[in-house]
Amino acid sequence: MLQDNRALRDAPARLAVPLNALRAFEAAARHLSIKGAASEIGVTPSAVSHQIRLLEDSLGVELLRRAGARLELTPAGRTLAPGLSAGFRQLGESVSALQQERKLGPLRLSLPPGFAAHWLLPRLAAYPAARPGFELELQTTQEVADLAAGSADAAVRHGKGHWAGTVSEHLFDETLTLLSRGPCEEDPRTLVSRSTLFISGHRHEGFARWNASLPGGPVRPAAIITVDSTSLSLKAALDGAGITFAGPELAAQDIAAGRLSTLFKHRVDAEAAYYLCYPPALERDRRIRNLKTWLLEETGDFRRAG
């Protein structure tokens, strides 16, 4: 409780006037010019004058007055201006420090565990991680990272490509089919009928669509186990615990190496794709540009195939 009370005592006083009005007055006080303040803030001179009048009405004092063709500060204005200038300068320094911190060090990339384990990691040997501007810090999670709050600098997301407040670069679409460990050396239907299907919870609807449209009629696994991620379902297939329903694009390296195989040529559209997402403010960040260029080169074959 003592700590909470101290935090309350140390909290800044609540502003009783609009921040925009204080900003307009502070700029006008430095320039001693309404036009100069308007140019700095990026608004019209009339907007600056309006904000200053609003501030004066709120405080009940005159802060600026005309002296012929010039503006001059009143005694009240001279009292208020230095503290405001110091406060806005400190705000600017704090914002600049945060911006600089986000531009230094590795790019914090949030991504789904399945994408990280089965698509990205097998390709990272070709990623120029040792070069300046290419450093990465990988954060795997099933949750959508809050990029606006700075929990990560960028993210790989799976969906329709519409996330408010982010730039979304399309990487590749995804299709879905049944996968099993190694080359299938028996009739696929027979294999399915005696196998456990490991399937991510969000894939049940896709599997129903795939099975209903399967040439020759639907198949029926011996059992179905629902797991919480595509990564876990692919791991089960790789370990030989059963088969899985997932995207061949995500498992392309495992398929090329013979660790996994598709049981049927039949696929359905996942109705979602993978995207690289980042805040518009980081669009010119060289780490973002470097990662985006590399990812688009690596996913070029997928996009051309689509």
C-alpha atoms as a PDB file:
ATOM      1  CA  MET A   1       0.000   0.000   0.000  1.00  0.00           C
ATOM      2  CA  LEU A   2       2.883   2.355   0.860  1.00  0.00           C
ATOM      3  CA  GLN A   3       4.380   1.769  -2.566  1.00  0.00           C
ATOM      4  CA  ASP A   4       1.026   2.491  -4.250  1.00  0.00           C
ATOM      5  CA  ASN A   5       0.681   5.763  -2.293  1.00  0.00           C
ATOM      6  CA  ARG A   6       4.206   6.808  -3.291  1.00  0.00           C
ATOM      7  CA  ALA A   7       3.389   6.108  -6.941  1.00  0.00           C
ATOM      8  CA  LEU A   8       0.323   8.321  -6.642  1.00  0.00           C
ATOM      9  CA  ARG A   9       2.365  11.118  -5.077  1.00  0.00           C
ATOM     10  CA  ASP A  10       4.993  10.873  -7.827  1.00  0.00           C
ATOM     11  CA  ALA A  11       2.451  10.882 -10.655  1.00  0.00           C
ATOM     12  CA  PRO A  12       2.420  14.068 -12.763  1.00  0.00           C
ATOM     13  CA  ALA A  13      -0.336  16.562 -12.106  1.00  0.00           C
ATOM     14  CA  ARG A  14      -3.402  16.121 -14.293  1.00  0.00           C
ATOM     15  CA  LEU A  15      -3.542  18.758 -17.035  1.00  0.00           C
ATOM     16  CA  ALA A  16      -6.521  21.060 -16.680  1.00  0.00           C
ATOM     17  CA  VAL A  17      -6.026  22.523 -20.162  1.00  0.00           C
ATOM     18  CA  PRO A  18      -5.736  20.918 -23.628  1.00  0.00           C
ATOM     19  CA  LEU A  19      -2.237  19.730 -24.558  1.00  0.00           C
ATOM     20  CA  ASN A  20      -2.631  21.140 -28.085  1.00  0.00           C
ATOM     21  CA  ALA A  21      -3.266  24.588 -26.637  1.00  0.00           C
ATOM     22  CA  LEU A  22      -0.109  24.394 -24.520  1.00  0.00           C
ATOM     23  CA  ARG A  23       1.885  23.255 -27.542  1.00  0.00           C
ATOM     24  CA  ALA A  24       0.555  26.133 -29.689  1.00  0.00           C
ATOM     25  CA  PHE A  25       1.397  28.723 -27.011  1.00  0.00           C
ATOM     26  CA  GLU A  26       4.883  27.271 -26.379  1.00  0.00           C
ATOM     27  CA  ALA A  27       5.771  27.467 -30.082  1.00  0.00           C
ATOM     28  CA  ALA A  28       4.358  30.978 -30.425  1.00  0.00           C
ATOM     29  CA  ALA A  29       6.263  32.083 -27.305  1.00  0.00           C
ATOM     30  CA  ARG A  30       9.575  30.836 -28.739  1.00  0.00           C
ATOM     31  CA  HIS A  31       9.039  32.334 -32.185  1.00  0.00           C
ATOM     32  CA  LEU A  32       7.110  35.378 -30.971  1.00  0.00           C
ATOM     33  CA  SER A  33       5.177  34.760 -34.154  1.00  0.00           C
ATOM     34  CA  ILE A  34       1.852  33.072 -34.863  1.00  0.00           C
ATOM     35  CA  LYS A  35       2.997  32.214 -38.393  1.00  0.00           C
ATOM     36  CA  GLY A  36       6.257  30.738 -37.123  1.00  0.00           C
ATOM     37  CA  ALA A  37       4.379  28.569 -34.628  1.00  0.00           C
ATOM     38  CA  ALA A  38       1.910  27.444 -37.290  1.00  0.00           C
ATOM     39  CA  SER A  39       4.744  26.460 -39.638  1.00  0.00           C
ATOM     40  CA  GLU A  40       6.474  24.417 -36.903  1.00  0.00           C
ATOM     41  CA  ILE A  41       3.345  22.624 -35.763  1.00  0.00           C
ATOM     42  CA  GLY A  42       1.932  22.120 -39.234  1.00  0.00           C
ATOM     43  CA  VAL A  43      -1.408  23.879 -38.797  1.00  0.00           C
ATOM     44  CA  THR A  44      -2.861  27.193 -39.956  1.00  0.00           C
ATOM     45  CA  PRO A  45      -2.135  30.479 -38.141  1.00  0.00           C
ATOM     46  CA  SER A  46      -5.828  30.782 -37.300  1.00  0.00           C
ATOM     47  CA  ALA A  47      -5.685  27.370 -35.599  1.00  0.00           C
ATOM     48  CA  VAL A  48      -2.721  28.520 -33.472  1.00  0.00           C
ATOM     49  CA  SER A  49      -4.564  31.738 -32.527  1.00  0.00           C
ATOM     50  CA  HIS A  50      -7.649  29.712 -31.606  1.00  0.00           C
ATOM     51  CA  GLN A  51      -5.637  27.361 -29.366  1.00  0.00           C
ATOM     52  CA  ILE A  52      -3.934  30.277 -27.597  1.00  0.00           C
ATOM     53  CA  ARG A  53      -7.280  31.987 -26.951  1.00  0.00           C
ATOM     54  CA  LEU A  54      -8.598  28.661 -25.609  1.00  0.00           C
ATOM     55  CA  LEU A  55      -5.622  28.435 -23.257  1.00  0.00           C
ATOM     56  CA  GLU A  56      -6.001  32.025 -22.092  1.00  0.00           C
ATOM     57  CA  ASP A  57      -9.727  31.503 -21.446  1.00  0.00           C
ATOM     58  CA  SER A  58      -8.977  28.324 -19.480  1.00  0.00           C
ATOM     59  CA  LEU A  59      -6.329  30.024 -17.314  1.00  0.00           C
ATOM     60  CA  GLY A  60      -8.118  33.385 -17.042  1.00  0.00           C
ATOM     61  CA  VAL A  61      -5.006  35.354 -18.021  1.00  0.00           C
ATOM     62  CA  GLU A  62      -3.533  37.018 -21.090  1.00  0.00           C
ATOM     63  CA  LEU A  63      -0.365  35.294 -22.300  1.00  0.00           C
ATOM     64  CA  LEU A  64       0.533  37.085 -25.546  1.00  0.00           C
ATOM     65  CA  ARG A  65      -0.267  40.567 -26.763  1.00  0.00           C
ATOM     66  CA  ARG A  66       0.445  42.699 -29.802  1.00  0.00           C
ATOM     67  CA  ALA A  67       3.005  45.489 -29.492  1.00  0.00           C
ATOM     68  CA  GLY A  68       2.731  47.188 -32.840  1.00  0.00           C
ATOM     69  CA  ALA A  69       3.746  44.644 -35.476  1.00  0.00           C
ATOM     70  CA  ARG A  70       5.375  42.385 -32.886  1.00  0.00           C
ATOM     71  CA  LEU A  71       4.142  39.816 -30.398  1.00  0.00           C
ATOM     72  CA  GLU A  72       5.337  39.972 -26.825  1.00  0.00           C
ATOM     73  CA  LEU A  73       4.832  37.832 -23.757  1.00  0.00           C
ATOM     74  CA  THR A  74       2.865  39.163 -20.843  1.00  0.00           C
ATOM     75  CA  PRO A  75       4.197  38.586 -17.301  1.00  0.00           C
ATOM     76  CA  ALA A  76       1.959  35.498 -17.090  1.00  0.00           C
ATOM     77  CA  GLY A  77       3.279  34.298 -20.428  1.00  0.00           C
ATOM     78  CA  ARG A  78       6.880  34.741 -19.277  1.00  0.00           C
ATOM     79  CA  THR A  79       6.099  32.647 -16.214  1.00  0.00           C
ATOM     80  CA  LEU A  80       4.480  29.822 -18.176  1.00  0.00           C
ATOM     81  CA  ALA A  81       6.711  29.586 -21.268  1.00  0.00           C
ATOM     82  CA  PRO A  82      10.037  28.287 -19.782  1.00  0.00           C
ATOM     83  CA  GLY A  83       8.421  25.330 -18.002  1.00  0.00           C
ATOM     84  CA  LEU A  84       6.480  24.371 -21.114  1.00  0.00           C
ATOM     85  CA  SER A  85       9.609  24.555 -23.292  1.00  0.00           C
ATOM     86  CA  ALA A  86      11.494  22.322 -20.855  1.00  0.00           C
ATOM     87  CA  GLY A  87       8.600  19.876 -20.706  1.00  0.00           C
ATOM     88  CA  PHE A  88       8.163  19.596 -24.466  1.00  0.00           C
ATOM     89  CA  ARG A  89      11.937  19.277 -24.899  1.00  0.00           C
ATOM     90  CA  GLN A  90      11.967  16.365 -22.440  1.00  0.00           C
ATOM     91  CA  LEU A  91       9.021  14.766 -24.235  1.00  0.00           C
ATOM     92  CA  GLY A  92      10.883  15.054 -27.525  1.00  0.00           C
ATOM     93  CA  GLU A  93      14.019  13.518 -26.043  1.00  0.00           C
ATOM     94  CA  SER A  94      12.045  10.608 -24.600  1.00  0.00           C
ATOM     95  CA  VAL A  95      10.339   9.922 -27.942  1.00  0.00           C
ATOM     96  CA  SER A  96      13.644  10.148 -29.805  1.00  0.00           C
ATOM     97  CA  ALA A  97      15.269   7.758 -27.342  1.00  0.00           C
ATOM     98  CA  LEU A  98      12.492   5.219 -27.869  1.00  0.00           C
ATOM     99  CA  GLN A  99      12.717   5.562 -31.652  1.00  0.00           C
ATOM    100  CA  GLN A 100      16.482   5.115 -31.528  1.00  0.00           C
ATOM    101  CA  GLU A 101      16.142   2.072 -29.259  1.00  0.00           C
ATOM    102  CA  ARG A 102      13.761   0.421 -31.741  1.00  0.00           C
ATOM    103  CA  LYS A 103      16.199   1.050 -34.606  1.00  0.00           C
ATOM    104  CA  LEU A 104      19.194  -0.488 -32.834  1.00  0.00           C
ATOM    105  CA  GLY A 105      19.890  -4.140 -32.147  1.00  0.00           C
ATOM    106  CA  PRO A 106      18.172  -7.178 -33.663  1.00  0.00           C
ATOM    107  CA  LEU A 107      14.789  -6.991 -35.361  1.00  0.00           C
ATOM    108  CA  ARG A 108      12.261  -8.605 -33.029  1.00  0.00           C
ATOM    109  CA  LEU A 109      10.188 -10.894 -35.241  1.00  0.00           C
ATOM    110  CA  SER A 110       7.059 -12.575 -33.862  1.00  0.00           C
ATOM    111  CA  LEU A 111       5.870 -15.644 -35.754  1.00  0.00           C
ATOM    112  CA  PRO A 112       3.757 -18.799 -35.352  1.00  0.00           C
ATOM    113  CA  PRO A 113       5.673 -21.837 -34.043  1.00  0.00           C
ATOM    114  CA  GLY A 114       4.784 -23.916 -37.128  1.00  0.00           C
ATOM    115  CA  PHE A 115       6.111 -21.298 -39.526  1.00  0.00           C
ATOM    116  CA  ALA A 116       9.258 -20.899 -37.447  1.00  0.00           C
ATOM    117  CA  ALA A 117      10.048 -24.610 -37.087  1.00  0.00           C
ATOM    118  CA  HIS A 118       9.022 -25.942 -40.492  1.00  0.00           C
ATOM    119  CA  TRP A 119       9.443 -23.037 -42.905  1.00  0.00           C
ATOM    120  CA  LEU A 120      11.874 -20.467 -41.506  1.00  0.00           C
ATOM    121  CA  LEU A 121      14.476 -22.420 -39.530  1.00  0.00           C
ATOM    122  CA  PRO A 122      15.383 -24.813 -42.377  1.00  0.00           C
ATOM    123  CA  ARG A 123      16.128 -21.760 -44.547  1.00  0.00           C
ATOM    124  CA  LEU A 124      18.037 -19.656 -42.015  1.00  0.00           C
ATOM    125  CA  ALA A 125      21.363 -21.168 -43.058  1.00  0.00           C
ATOM    126  CA  ALA A 126      21.027 -18.991 -46.170  1.00  0.00           C
ATOM    127  CA  TYR A 127      20.072 -15.873 -44.183  1.00  0.00           C
ATOM    128  CA  PRO A 128      22.949 -13.333 -43.870  1.00  0.00           C
ATOM    129  CA  ALA A 129      22.456 -12.950 -40.115  1.00  0.00           C
ATOM    130  CA  ALA A 130      26.045 -11.828 -39.498  1.00  0.00           C
ATOM    131  CA  ARG A 131      25.693  -8.774 -41.730  1.00  0.00           C
ATOM    132  CA  PRO A 132      24.760  -5.421 -40.116  1.00  0.00           C
ATOM    133  CA  GLY A 133      21.057  -4.729 -40.519  1.00  0.00           C
ATOM    134  CA  PHE A 134      20.097  -8.417 -40.721  1.00  0.00           C
ATOM    135  CA  GLU A 135      20.143  -9.360 -37.029  1.00  0.00           C
ATOM    136  CA  LEU A 136      17.020 -11.183 -35.802  1.00  0.00           C
ATOM    137  CA  GLU A 137      15.407 -12.003 -32.465  1.00  0.00           C
ATOM    138  CA  LEU A 138      12.717 -14.654 -33.011  1.00  0.00           C
ATOM    139  CA  GLN A 139       9.639 -14.790 -30.786  1.00  0.00           C
ATOM    140  CA  THR A 140       7.339 -17.779 -31.421  1.00  0.00           C
ATOM    141  CA  THR A 141       3.758 -17.460 -30.242  1.00  0.00           C
ATOM    142  CA  GLN A 142       0.226 -18.411 -31.228  1.00  0.00           C
ATOM    143  CA  GLU A 143      -0.954 -14.953 -30.176  1.00  0.00           C
ATOM    144  CA  VAL A 144      -1.108 -11.951 -32.501  1.00  0.00           C
ATOM    145  CA  ALA A 145       1.725  -9.670 -31.394  1.00  0.00           C
ATOM    146  CA  ASP A 146       0.667  -6.102 -30.588  1.00  0.00           C
ATOM    147  CA  LEU A 147       2.990  -4.259 -32.950  1.00  0.00           C
ATOM    148  CA  ALA A 148       1.490  -0.883 -32.076  1.00  0.00           C
ATOM    149  CA  ALA A 149       2.469  -1.398 -28.432  1.00  0.00           C
ATOM    150  CA  GLY A 150       6.010  -2.402 -29.399  1.00  0.00           C
ATOM    151  CA  SER A 151       5.845  -6.035 -28.245  1.00  0.00           C
ATOM    152  CA  ALA A 152       7.682  -6.870 -31.494  1.00  0.00           C
ATOM    153  CA  ASP A 153       9.005  -4.900 -34.459  1.00  0.00           C
ATOM    154  CA  ALA A 154       7.446  -7.154 -37.108  1.00  0.00           C
ATOM    155  CA  ALA A 155       5.419 -10.344 -37.328  1.00  0.00           C
ATOM    156  CA  VAL A 156       4.603 -13.185 -39.669  1.00  0.00           C
ATOM    157  CA  ARG A 157       0.839 -13.652 -39.554  1.00  0.00           C
ATOM    158  CA  HIS A 158      -1.574 -16.171 -41.033  1.00  0.00           C
ATOM    159  CA  GLY A 159      -4.898 -14.856 -42.249  1.00  0.00           C
ATOM    160  CA  LYS A 160      -6.630 -12.686 -44.827  1.00  0.00           C
ATOM    161  CA  GLY A 161      -4.042  -9.915 -44.812  1.00  0.00           C
ATOM    162  CA  HIS A 162      -6.193  -7.270 -43.123  1.00  0.00           C
ATOM    163  CA  TRP A 163      -4.787  -6.069 -39.798  1.00  0.00           C
ATOM    164  CA  ALA A 164      -5.507  -2.490 -38.797  1.00  0.00           C
ATOM    165  CA  GLY A 165      -2.512  -0.230 -38.388  1.00  0.00           C
ATOM    166  CA  THR A 166      -0.014  -2.497 -40.145  1.00  0.00           C
ATOM    167  CA  VAL A 167       1.608  -2.877 -43.547  1.00  0.00           C
ATOM    168  CA  SER A 168       1.009  -6.460 -44.767  1.00  0.00           C
ATOM    169  CA  GLU A 169       3.363  -7.986 -47.350  1.00  0.00           C
ATOM    170  CA  HIS A 170       1.961 -11.163 -48.927  1.00  0.00           C
ATOM    171  CA  LEU A 171       4.411 -14.078 -48.669  1.00  0.00           C
ATOM    172  CA  PHE A 172       2.469 -17.092 -49.969  1.00  0.00           C
ATOM    173  CA  ASP A 173      -0.954 -18.694 -50.050  1.00  0.00           C
ATOM    174  CA  GLU A 174      -1.586 -22.033 -48.385  1.00  0.00           C
ATOM    175  CA  THR A 175      -3.342 -25.192 -49.503  1.00  0.00           C
ATOM    176  CA  LEU A 176      -4.254 -28.168 -47.342  1.00  0.00           C
ATOM    177  CA  THR A 177      -3.997 -31.950 -47.709  1.00  0.00           C
ATOM    178  CA  LEU A 178      -3.052 -35.088 -45.772  1.00  0.00           C
ATOM    179  CA  LEU A 179       0.633 -35.657 -44.989  1.00  0.00           C
ATOM    180  CA  SER A 180       2.431 -38.705 -43.580  1.00  0.00           C
ATOM    181  CA  ARG A 181       5.989 -39.596 -42.607  1.00  0.00           C
ATOM    182  CA  GLY A 182       8.331 -40.569 -45.450  1.00  0.00           C
ATOM    183  CA  PRO A 183       7.266 -41.939 -48.825  1.00  0.00           C
ATOM    184  CA  CYS A 184       3.895 -43.712 -48.774  1.00  0.00           C
ATOM    185  CA  GLU A 185       4.461 -47.307 -49.935  1.00  0.00           C
ATOM    186  CA  GLU A 186       0.877 -48.548 -49.623  1.00  0.00           C
ATOM    187  CA  ASP A 187      -2.593 -47.530 -50.742  1.00  0.00           C
ATOM    188  CA  PRO A 188      -3.218 -44.086 -49.203  1.00  0.00           C
ATOM    189  CA  ARG A 189      -6.782 -44.933 -48.238  1.00  0.00           C
ATOM    190  CA  THR A 190      -5.631 -48.029 -46.387  1.00  0.00           C
ATOM    191  CA  LEU A 191      -2.971 -46.006 -44.567  1.00  0.00           C
ATOM    192  CA  VAL A 192      -5.517 -43.396 -43.516  1.00  0.00           C
ATOM    193  CA  SER A 193      -7.976 -46.040 -42.286  1.00  0.00           C
ATOM    194  CA  ARG A 194      -5.430 -47.450 -39.832  1.00  0.00           C
ATOM    195  CA  SER A 195      -3.784 -44.154 -38.814  1.00  0.00           C
ATOM    196  CA  THR A 196      -4.461 -41.532 -36.176  1.00  0.00           C
ATOM    197  CA  LEU A 197      -5.057 -38.096 -37.658  1.00  0.00           C
ATOM    198  CA  PHE A 198      -3.367 -35.309 -35.700  1.00  0.00           C
ATOM    199  CA  ILE A 199      -5.062 -32.062 -36.615  1.00  0.00           C
ATOM    200  CA  SER A 200      -4.871 -28.496 -35.350  1.00  0.00           C
ATOM    201  CA  GLY A 201      -8.166 -27.291 -33.927  1.00  0.00           C
ATOM    202  CA  HIS A 202      -8.583 -24.551 -36.522  1.00  0.00           C
ATOM    203  CA  ARG A 203      -8.192 -27.090 -39.384  1.00  0.00           C
ATOM    204  CA  HIS A 204     -11.346 -29.161 -38.786  1.00  0.00           C
ATOM    205  CA  GLU A 205     -13.488 -27.121 -41.181  1.00  0.00           C
ATOM    206  CA  GLY A 206     -10.804 -27.342 -43.866  1.00  0.00           C
ATOM    207  CA  PHE A 207     -10.507 -31.098 -43.421  1.00  0.00           C
ATOM    208  CA  ALA A 208     -14.285 -31.462 -43.787  1.00  0.00           C
ATOM    209  CA  ARG A 209     -14.139 -29.504 -47.080  1.00  0.00           C
ATOM    210  CA  TRP A 210     -11.165 -31.538 -48.289  1.00  0.00           C
ATOM    211  CA  ASN A 211     -12.758 -34.871 -47.395  1.00  0.00           C
ATOM    212  CA  ALA A 212     -16.137 -34.003 -48.920  1.00  0.00           C
ATOM    213  CA  SER A 213     -14.503 -33.111 -52.253  1.00  0.00           C
ATOM    214  CA  LEU A 214     -11.949 -35.968 -52.313  1.00  0.00           C
ATOM    215  CA  PRO A 215     -12.181 -37.884 -55.625  1.00  0.00           C
ATOM    216  CA  GLY A 216     -13.378 -41.412 -54.939  1.00  0.00           C
ATOM    217  CA  GLY A 217     -15.206 -40.425 -51.755  1.00  0.00           C
ATOM    218  CA  PRO A 218     -14.175 -39.449 -48.237  1.00  0.00           C
ATOM    219  CA  VAL A 219     -11.670 -41.281 -46.056  1.00  0.00           C
ATOM    220  CA  ARG A 220     -12.036 -42.130 -42.373  1.00  0.00           C
ATOM    221  CA  PRO A 221      -8.994 -42.124 -40.054  1.00  0.00           C
ATOM    222  CA  ALA A 222      -8.825 -44.753 -37.307  1.00  0.00           C
ATOM    223  CA  ALA A 223      -8.828 -41.948 -34.723  1.00  0.00           C
ATOM    224  CA  ILE A 224      -8.584 -38.164 -34.586  1.00  0.00           C
ATOM    225  CA  ILE A 225      -6.542 -36.230 -32.033  1.00  0.00           C
ATOM    226  CA  THR A 226      -6.947 -32.450 -31.947  1.00  0.00           C
ATOM    227  CA  VAL A 227      -3.863 -30.448 -31.020  1.00  0.00           C
ATOM    228  CA  ASP A 228      -3.383 -26.734 -30.434  1.00  0.00           C
ATOM    229  CA  SER A 229      -0.995 -25.958 -33.301  1.00  0.00           C
ATOM    230  CA  THR A 230       0.028 -26.989 -36.793  1.00  0.00           C
ATOM    231  CA  SER A 231       3.578 -27.329 -35.476  1.00  0.00           C
ATOM    232  CA  LEU A 232       2.505 -30.070 -33.073  1.00  0.00           C
ATOM    233  CA  SER A 233       0.491 -31.916 -35.720  1.00  0.00           C
ATOM    234  CA  LEU A 234       3.451 -31.867 -38.129  1.00  0.00           C
ATOM    235  CA  LYS A 235       5.757 -33.085 -35.351  1.00  0.00           C
ATOM    236  CA  ALA A 236       3.413 -36.028 -34.735  1.00  0.00           C
ATOM    237  CA  ALA A 237       3.557 -36.966 -38.419  1.00  0.00           C
ATOM    238  CA  LEU A 238       7.343 -36.597 -38.537  1.00  0.00           C
ATOM    239  CA  ASP A 239       7.656 -38.866 -35.484  1.00  0.00           C
ATOM    240  CA  GLY A 240       5.452 -41.503 -37.133  1.00  0.00           C
ATOM    241  CA  ALA A 241       2.698 -41.181 -34.529  1.00  0.00           C
ATOM    242  CA  GLY A 242       0.109 -40.714 -37.273  1.00  0.00           C
ATOM    243  CA  ILE A 243      -0.817 -38.506 -40.210  1.00  0.00           C
ATOM    244  CA  THR A 244      -1.664 -34.829 -40.296  1.00  0.00           C
ATOM    245  CA  PHE A 245      -3.732 -32.341 -42.265  1.00  0.00           C
ATOM    246  CA  ALA A 246      -1.615 -29.311 -43.075  1.00  0.00           C
ATOM    247  CA  GLY A 247      -0.114 -27.117 -45.784  1.00  0.00           C
ATOM    248  CA  PRO A 248       2.502 -28.647 -48.110  1.00  0.00           C
ATOM    249  CA  GLU A 249       3.896 -25.129 -48.569  1.00  0.00           C
ATOM    250  CA  LEU A 250       4.699 -24.896 -44.871  1.00  0.00           C
ATOM    251  CA  ALA A 251       6.281 -28.369 -44.886  1.00  0.00           C
ATOM    252  CA  ALA A 252       8.040 -27.965 -48.255  1.00  0.00           C
ATOM    253  CA  GLN A 253      11.519 -28.595 -46.828  1.00  0.00           C
ATOM    254  CA  ASP A 254      10.369 -31.745 -45.009  1.00  0.00           C
ATOM    255  CA  ILE A 255       8.712 -32.991 -48.198  1.00  0.00           C
ATOM    256  CA  ALA A 256      11.768 -32.230 -50.348  1.00  0.00           C
ATOM    257  CA  ALA A 257      13.991 -34.098 -47.879  1.00  0.00           C
ATOM    258  CA  GLY A 258      11.669 -37.125 -47.869  1.00  0.00           C
ATOM    259  CA  ARG A 259      10.729 -36.716 -44.231  1.00  0.00           C
ATOM    260  CA  LEU A 260       7.083 -36.117 -45.155  1.00  0.00           C
ATOM    261  CA  SER A 261       4.950 -36.940 -48.199  1.00  0.00           C
ATOM    262  CA  THR A 262       1.525 -35.970 -49.472  1.00  0.00           C
ATOM    263  CA  LEU A 263      -0.901 -38.900 -49.482  1.00  0.00           C
ATOM    264  CA  PHE A 264      -3.192 -37.476 -52.182  1.00  0.00           C
ATOM    265  CA  LYS A 265      -2.816 -34.981 -55.000  1.00  0.00           C
ATOM    266  CA  HIS A 266      -6.122 -33.487 -53.888  1.00  0.00           C
ATOM    267  CA  ARG A 267      -5.816 -30.150 -52.063  1.00  0.00           C
ATOM    268  CA  VAL A 268      -8.170 -27.411 -50.925  1.00  0.00           C
ATOM    269  CA  ASP A 269      -7.514 -23.709 -50.472  1.00  0.00           C
ATOM    270  CA  ALA A 270      -6.777 -22.855 -46.834  1.00  0.00           C
ATOM    271  CA  GLU A 271      -8.563 -19.528 -47.433  1.00  0.00           C
ATOM    272  CA  ALA A 272      -5.657 -17.793 -45.688  1.00  0.00           C
ATOM    273  CA  ALA A 273      -2.079 -16.854 -46.463  1.00  0.00           C
ATOM    274  CA  TYR A 274       1.146 -15.915 -44.707  1.00  0.00           C
ATOM    275  CA  TYR A 275       2.098 -12.245 -44.471  1.00  0.00           C
ATOM    276  CA  LEU A 276       4.977 -10.189 -43.136  1.00  0.00           C
ATOM    277  CA  CYS A 277       3.443  -7.379 -41.080  1.00  0.00           C
ATOM    278  CA  TYR A 278       5.026  -4.269 -39.570  1.00  0.00           C
ATOM    279  CA  PRO A 279       3.978  -0.767 -38.443  1.00  0.00           C
ATOM    280  CA  PRO A 280       4.006   1.955 -41.126  1.00  0.00           C
ATOM    281  CA  ALA A 281       6.491   3.905 -38.975  1.00  0.00           C
ATOM    282  CA  LEU A 282       9.108   1.165 -39.565  1.00  0.00           C
ATOM    283  CA  GLU A 283       8.594   0.936 -43.319  1.00  0.00           C
ATOM    284  CA  ARG A 284      11.953   2.626 -43.984  1.00  0.00           C
ATOM    285  CA  ASP A 285      13.827   0.700 -41.291  1.00  0.00           C
ATOM    286  CA  ARG A 286      16.668  -1.106 -43.076  1.00  0.00           C
ATOM    287  CA  ARG A 287      16.183  -4.240 -40.940  1.00  0.00           C
ATOM    288  CA  ILE A 288      12.574  -4.461 -42.162  1.00  0.00           C
ATOM    289  CA  ARG A 289      13.654  -3.847 -45.761  1.00  0.00           C
ATOM    290  CA  ASN A 290      16.393  -6.487 -45.536  1.00  0.00           C
ATOM    291  CA  LEU A 291      14.105  -9.128 -44.046  1.00  0.00           C
ATOM    292  CA  LYS A 292      11.289  -8.341 -46.501  1.00  0.00           C
ATOM    293  CA  THR A 293      13.619  -8.611 -49.509  1.00  0.00           C
ATOM    294  CA  TRP A 294      14.975 -11.948 -48.310  1.00  0.00           C
ATOM    295  CA  LEU A 295      11.534 -13.386 -47.490  1.00  0.00           C
ATOM    296  CA  LEU A 296      10.098 -12.352 -50.854  1.00  0.00           C
ATOM    297  CA  GLU A 297      13.034 -13.999 -52.628  1.00  0.00           C
ATOM    298  CA  GLU A 298      12.549 -17.207 -50.625  1.00  0.00           C
ATOM    299  CA  THR A 299       8.801 -17.289 -51.236  1.00  0.00           C
ATOM    300  CA  GLY A 300       8.978 -16.346 -54.924  1.00  0.00           C
ATOM    301  CA  ASP A 301       8.438 -19.914 -56.138  1.00  0.00           C
ATOM    302  CA  PHE A 302       5.321 -20.279 -53.971  1.00  0.00           C
ATOM    303  CA  ARG A 303       3.804 -17.066 -55.333  1.00  0.00           C
ATOM    304  CA  ARG A 304       4.623 -17.969 -58.960  1.00  0.00           C
ATOM    305  CA  ALA A 305       3.124 -21.425 -58.472  1.00  0.00           C
ATOM    306  CA  GLY A 306      -0.057 -19.810 -57.180  1.00  0.00           C
END
